């Protein structure tokens, strides 16, 4: 197993988990009437989106700041 395949696996798992969390939180937002619960799940959606951005931008950031190539 190469480092590139491990990084790709982590990105795949993160994307799958993120999509599941966004779908479930959307369901909770649609069905909930309590404003406190809705605010909590809105924060969860924001956290998931930020987390996915970090996961998918990490290779680019590593390349930019190290001056080299990522996982090669």
C-alpha atoms as a PDB file:
ATOM      1  CA  UNK A   1       0.000   0.000   0.000  1.00  0.00           C
ATOM      2  CA  UNK A   2       1.378   3.352  -0.991  1.00  0.00           C
ATOM      3  CA  UNK A   3       0.957   6.609   0.830  1.00  0.00           C
ATOM      4  CA  UNK A   4      -1.144   7.915  -2.064  1.00  0.00           C
ATOM      5  CA  UNK A   5      -3.620   5.034  -1.786  1.00  0.00           C
ATOM      6  CA  UNK A   6      -3.920   5.556   1.971  1.00  0.00           C
ATOM      7  CA  UNK A   7      -4.592   9.275   1.434  1.00  0.00           C
ATOM      8  CA  UNK A   8      -7.185   8.460  -1.223  1.00  0.00           C
ATOM      9  CA  UNK A   9      -8.881   5.979   1.119  1.00  0.00           C
ATOM     10  CA  UNK A  10      -9.056   8.550   3.890  1.00  0.00           C
ATOM     11  CA  UNK A  11     -10.566  11.097   1.497  1.00  0.00           C
ATOM     12  CA  UNK A  12     -13.144   8.553   0.324  1.00  0.00           C
ATOM     13  CA  UNK A  13     -14.164   7.660   3.876  1.00  0.00           C
ATOM     14  CA  UNK A  14     -14.356  11.345   4.858  1.00  0.00           C
ATOM     15  CA  UNK A  15     -16.487  12.170   1.821  1.00  0.00           C
ATOM     16  CA  UNK A  16     -18.856   9.278   2.499  1.00  0.00           C
ATOM     17  CA  UNK A  17     -19.219  10.163   6.192  1.00  0.00           C
ATOM     18  CA  UNK A  18     -19.640  13.854   5.368  1.00  0.00           C
ATOM     19  CA  UNK A  19     -22.410  13.197   2.863  1.00  0.00           C
ATOM     20  CA  UNK A  20     -24.225  10.961   5.352  1.00  0.00           C
ATOM     21  CA  UNK A  21     -23.927  13.618   8.089  1.00  0.00           C
ATOM     22  CA  UNK A  22     -25.134  16.421   5.818  1.00  0.00           C
ATOM     23  CA  UNK A  23     -28.098  14.333   4.656  1.00  0.00           C
ATOM     24  CA  UNK A  24     -29.074  13.379   8.212  1.00  0.00           C
ATOM     25  CA  UNK A  25     -28.682  16.917   9.509  1.00  0.00           C
ATOM     26  CA  UNK A  26     -30.809  18.190   6.628  1.00  0.00           C
ATOM     27  CA  UNK A  27     -33.483  15.696   7.636  1.00  0.00           C
ATOM     28  CA  UNK A  28     -33.300  16.897  11.252  1.00  0.00           C
ATOM     29  CA  UNK A  29     -33.533  20.535  10.127  1.00  0.00           C
ATOM     30  CA  UNK A  30     -36.618  19.803   8.037  1.00  0.00           C
ATOM     31  CA  UNK A  31     -38.438  17.770  10.687  1.00  0.00           C
ATOM     32  CA  UNK A  32     -37.474  19.626  13.881  1.00  0.00           C
ATOM     33  CA  UNK A  33     -39.599  22.404  15.329  1.00  0.00           C
ATOM     34  CA  UNK A  34     -37.257  23.276  18.210  1.00  0.00           C
ATOM     35  CA  UNK A  35     -35.068  26.304  17.342  1.00  0.00           C
ATOM     36  CA  UNK A  36     -32.263  25.140  19.661  1.00  0.00           C
ATOM     37  CA  UNK A  37     -31.991  21.789  17.899  1.00  0.00           C
ATOM     38  CA  UNK A  38     -32.082  23.479  14.503  1.00  0.00           C
ATOM     39  CA  UNK A  39     -29.263  25.844  15.510  1.00  0.00           C
ATOM     40  CA  UNK A  40     -27.185  22.929  16.792  1.00  0.00           C
ATOM     41  CA  UNK A  41     -27.555  20.980  13.544  1.00  0.00           C
ATOM     42  CA  UNK A  42     -26.760  24.062  11.470  1.00  0.00           C
ATOM     43  CA  UNK A  43     -23.457  24.253  13.332  1.00  0.00           C
ATOM     44  CA  UNK A  44     -22.884  20.560  12.644  1.00  0.00           C
ATOM     45  CA  UNK A  45     -23.422  21.130   8.912  1.00  0.00           C
ATOM     46  CA  UNK A  46     -20.924  23.994   8.973  1.00  0.00           C
ATOM     47  CA  UNK A  47     -18.401  21.839  10.824  1.00  0.00           C
ATOM     48  CA  UNK A  48     -18.783  19.002   8.330  1.00  0.00           C
ATOM     49  CA  UNK A  49     -18.290  21.349   5.377  1.00  0.00           C
ATOM     50  CA  UNK A  50     -15.189  22.888   6.975  1.00  0.00           C
ATOM     51  CA  UNK A  51     -13.829  19.429   7.756  1.00  0.00           C
ATOM     52  CA  UNK A  52     -14.327  18.245   4.186  1.00  0.00           C
ATOM     53  CA  UNK A  53     -12.618  21.365   2.883  1.00  0.00           C
ATOM     54  CA  UNK A  54      -9.635  20.693   5.148  1.00  0.00           C
ATOM     55  CA  UNK A  55      -9.415  17.052   4.020  1.00  0.00           C
ATOM     56  CA  UNK A  56      -9.575  17.864   0.326  1.00  0.00           C
ATOM     57  CA  UNK A  57      -7.349  20.974   0.467  1.00  0.00           C
ATOM     58  CA  UNK A  58      -4.629  19.333   2.578  1.00  0.00           C
ATOM     59  CA  UNK A  59      -2.721  17.848  -0.393  1.00  0.00           C
ATOM     60  CA  UNK A  60      -2.683  21.186  -2.169  1.00  0.00           C
ATOM     61  CA  UNK A  61      -1.606  23.028   0.985  1.00  0.00           C
ATOM     62  CA  UNK A  62       1.143  20.472   1.621  1.00  0.00           C
ATOM     63  CA  UNK A  63       2.427  20.962  -1.910  1.00  0.00           C
ATOM     64  CA  UNK A  64       2.333  24.742  -1.679  1.00  0.00           C
ATOM     65  CA  UNK A  65       4.046  25.015   1.699  1.00  0.00           C
ATOM     66  CA  UNK A  66       6.616  22.255   1.221  1.00  0.00           C
ATOM     67  CA  UNK A  67       7.503  23.148  -2.326  1.00  0.00           C
ATOM     68  CA  UNK A  68       7.413  19.497  -3.337  1.00  0.00           C
ATOM     69  CA  UNK A  69       4.934  16.960  -4.528  1.00  0.00           C
ATOM     70  CA  UNK A  70       2.339  15.274  -2.364  1.00  0.00           C
ATOM     71  CA  UNK A  71       2.598  11.523  -1.759  1.00  0.00           C
ATOM     72  CA  UNK A  72       4.871  10.683  -4.630  1.00  0.00           C
END
